[in-house]
Amino acid sequence: MHISIALANSGDVQLVAKLAAKHGRLTFCYEAGPTGYGLDRVKTNRRDAVELAKLLRAGELTAVGVPDEGHEAMRDLSHARQAAKRTSKASASRSPR
């Protein structure tokens, strides 16, 4: 799976260009967190980064399609609607008849 990402700053672009010139094809992975797929947090824990690299090399990671902001918004809306339906149903079952 090939995904294009927007790099955060020119330093990232320079680093990727330097690595690609030296090694050719590059493969990246990252761990999506509880806030979704956004690259808002860089994995700085060396142990976790090494573990991710080992899993990637061993083929143990699953490639996923990263949803765009529109799909994320629809998913959030769907989850909110389901939660509202559960709350409404629970409320109705508690009210006296």
C-alpha atoms as a PDB file:
ATOM      1  CA  MET A   1       0.000   0.000   0.000  1.00  0.00           C
ATOM      2  CA  HIS A   2       1.384   3.387  -0.959  1.00  0.00           C
ATOM      3  CA  ILE A   3       0.200   6.481   0.852  1.00  0.00           C
ATOM      4  CA  SER A   4       1.288  10.054   0.348  1.00  0.00           C
ATOM      5  CA  ILE A   5       1.748  12.142   3.465  1.00  0.00           C
ATOM      6  CA  ALA A   6       2.398  15.801   3.992  1.00  0.00           C
ATOM      7  CA  LEU A   7       5.630  16.231   5.892  1.00  0.00           C
ATOM      8  CA  ALA A   8       5.460  18.559   8.862  1.00  0.00           C
ATOM      9  CA  ASN A   9       8.370  20.817   8.013  1.00  0.00           C
ATOM     10  CA  SER A  10      11.259  21.341   5.632  1.00  0.00           C
ATOM     11  CA  GLY A  11      13.587  19.465   7.995  1.00  0.00           C
ATOM     12  CA  ASP A  12      11.458  16.355   7.474  1.00  0.00           C
ATOM     13  CA  VAL A  13      11.628  16.796   3.706  1.00  0.00           C
ATOM     14  CA  GLN A  14      15.410  17.171   3.807  1.00  0.00           C
ATOM     15  CA  LEU A  15      15.821  14.098   6.021  1.00  0.00           C
ATOM     16  CA  VAL A  16      13.622  11.940   3.785  1.00  0.00           C
ATOM     17  CA  ALA A  17      15.462  13.154   0.661  1.00  0.00           C
ATOM     18  CA  LYS A  18      18.840  12.383   2.250  1.00  0.00           C
ATOM     19  CA  LEU A  19      17.761   8.893   3.345  1.00  0.00           C
ATOM     20  CA  ALA A  20      16.163   8.136  -0.039  1.00  0.00           C
ATOM     21  CA  ALA A  21      19.341   9.201  -1.860  1.00  0.00           C
ATOM     22  CA  LYS A  22      21.394   6.861   0.286  1.00  0.00           C
ATOM     23  CA  HIS A  23      19.055   3.863   0.598  1.00  0.00           C
ATOM     24  CA  GLY A  24      16.634   4.080  -2.345  1.00  0.00           C
ATOM     25  CA  ARG A  25      13.164   2.898  -1.422  1.00  0.00           C
ATOM     26  CA  LEU A  26      12.023   3.900   2.042  1.00  0.00           C
ATOM     27  CA  THR A  27       9.275   2.327   4.115  1.00  0.00           C
ATOM     28  CA  PHE A  28       7.635   4.119   7.005  1.00  0.00           C
ATOM     29  CA  CYS A  29       5.315   2.983   9.746  1.00  0.00           C
ATOM     30  CA  TYR A  30       3.736   4.601  12.735  1.00  0.00           C
ATOM     31  CA  GLU A  31       1.391   3.661  15.518  1.00  0.00           C
ATOM     32  CA  ALA A  32      -2.049   5.232  15.334  1.00  0.00           C
ATOM     33  CA  GLY A  33      -3.118   6.416  18.747  1.00  0.00           C
ATOM     34  CA  PRO A  34      -6.427   6.850  20.529  1.00  0.00           C
ATOM     35  CA  THR A  35      -7.014  10.167  18.769  1.00  0.00           C
ATOM     36  CA  GLY A  36      -6.982   8.614  15.317  1.00  0.00           C
ATOM     37  CA  TYR A  37      -4.565   8.410  12.451  1.00  0.00           C
ATOM     38  CA  GLY A  38      -3.204  11.944  12.475  1.00  0.00           C
ATOM     39  CA  LEU A  39       0.544  12.437  12.656  1.00  0.00           C
ATOM     40  CA  ASP A  40       0.174  14.866  15.525  1.00  0.00           C
ATOM     41  CA  ARG A  41       2.583  13.047  17.806  1.00  0.00           C
ATOM     42  CA  VAL A  42       5.999  11.687  16.962  1.00  0.00           C
ATOM     43  CA  LYS A  43       6.997   8.420  18.565  1.00  0.00           C
ATOM     44  CA  THR A  44       9.940   9.483  20.687  1.00  0.00           C
ATOM     45  CA  ASN A  45      10.291   6.421  22.875  1.00  0.00           C
ATOM     46  CA  ARG A  46      13.269   4.598  21.383  1.00  0.00           C
ATOM     47  CA  ARG A  47      12.154   1.186  22.651  1.00  0.00           C
ATOM     48  CA  ASP A  48       8.742   1.554  20.989  1.00  0.00           C
ATOM     49  CA  ALA A  49      10.321   2.804  17.759  1.00  0.00           C
ATOM     50  CA  VAL A  50      12.706  -0.176  17.665  1.00  0.00           C
ATOM     51  CA  GLU A  51       9.810  -2.568  18.297  1.00  0.00           C
ATOM     52  CA  LEU A  52       7.816  -1.017  15.445  1.00  0.00           C
ATOM     53  CA  ALA A  53      10.844  -1.334  13.142  1.00  0.00           C
ATOM     54  CA  LYS A  54      11.255  -5.019  14.052  1.00  0.00           C
ATOM     55  CA  LEU A  55       7.568  -5.729  13.438  1.00  0.00           C
ATOM     56  CA  LEU A  56       7.716  -3.900  10.110  1.00  0.00           C
ATOM     57  CA  ARG A  57      10.797  -5.832   8.991  1.00  0.00           C
ATOM     58  CA  ALA A  58       9.178  -9.143  10.008  1.00  0.00           C
ATOM     59  CA  GLY A  59       6.023  -8.345   8.046  1.00  0.00           C
ATOM     60  CA  GLU A  60       3.922  -8.430  11.195  1.00  0.00           C
ATOM     61  CA  LEU A  61       2.223  -5.049  10.699  1.00  0.00           C
ATOM     62  CA  THR A  62      -1.061  -4.678   8.888  1.00  0.00           C
ATOM     63  CA  ALA A  63      -1.358  -1.928   6.317  1.00  0.00           C
ATOM     64  CA  VAL A  64      -4.485   0.153   6.705  1.00  0.00           C
ATOM     65  CA  GLY A  65      -6.018   2.867   4.590  1.00  0.00           C
ATOM     66  CA  VAL A  66      -5.909   6.131   6.458  1.00  0.00           C
ATOM     67  CA  PRO A  67      -9.240   7.922   6.162  1.00  0.00           C
ATOM     68  CA  ASP A  68      -9.271  11.549   5.091  1.00  0.00           C
ATOM     69  CA  GLU A  69     -10.830  14.246   7.283  1.00  0.00           C
ATOM     70  CA  GLY A  70     -14.234  13.855   5.614  1.00  0.00           C
ATOM     71  CA  HIS A  71     -14.375  10.117   6.334  1.00  0.00           C
ATOM     72  CA  GLU A  72     -13.180  10.706   9.894  1.00  0.00           C
ATOM     73  CA  ALA A  73     -15.948  13.274  10.396  1.00  0.00           C
ATOM     74  CA  MET A  74     -18.591  10.856   9.074  1.00  0.00           C
ATOM     75  CA  ARG A  75     -17.299   8.105  11.345  1.00  0.00           C
ATOM     76  CA  ASP A  76     -17.380  10.445  14.348  1.00  0.00           C
ATOM     77  CA  LEU A  77     -20.924  11.514  13.444  1.00  0.00           C
ATOM     78  CA  SER A  78     -22.017   7.897  13.128  1.00  0.00           C
ATOM     79  CA  HIS A  79     -20.511   7.033  16.526  1.00  0.00           C
ATOM     80  CA  ALA A  80     -22.199  10.062  18.127  1.00  0.00           C
ATOM     81  CA  ARG A  81     -25.552   9.069  16.604  1.00  0.00           C
ATOM     82  CA  GLN A  82     -25.226   5.507  17.917  1.00  0.00           C
ATOM     83  CA  ALA A  83     -24.357   6.814  21.391  1.00  0.00           C
ATOM     84  CA  ALA A  84     -27.359   9.171  21.333  1.00  0.00           C
ATOM     85  CA  LYS A  85     -29.660   6.293  20.333  1.00  0.00           C
ATOM     86  CA  ARG A  86     -28.332   4.150  23.206  1.00  0.00           C
ATOM     87  CA  THR A  87     -28.820   7.019  25.671  1.00  0.00           C
ATOM     88  CA  SER A  88     -32.329   7.684  24.396  1.00  0.00           C
ATOM     89  CA  LYS A  89     -33.261   4.017  24.625  1.00  0.00           C
ATOM     90  CA  ALA A  90     -31.855   3.718  28.169  1.00  0.00           C
ATOM     91  CA  SER A  91     -33.702   6.897  29.178  1.00  0.00           C
ATOM     92  CA  ALA A  92     -36.984   5.614  27.786  1.00  0.00           C
ATOM     93  CA  SER A  93     -36.667   2.336  29.662  1.00  0.00           C
ATOM     94  CA  ARG A  94     -36.148   4.214  32.971  1.00  0.00           C
ATOM     95  CA  SER A  95     -39.081   6.602  32.597  1.00  0.00           C
ATOM     96  CA  PRO A  96     -42.353   5.641  34.289  1.00  0.00           C
ATOM     97  CA  ARG A  97     -45.183   4.517  32.026  1.00  0.00           C
END
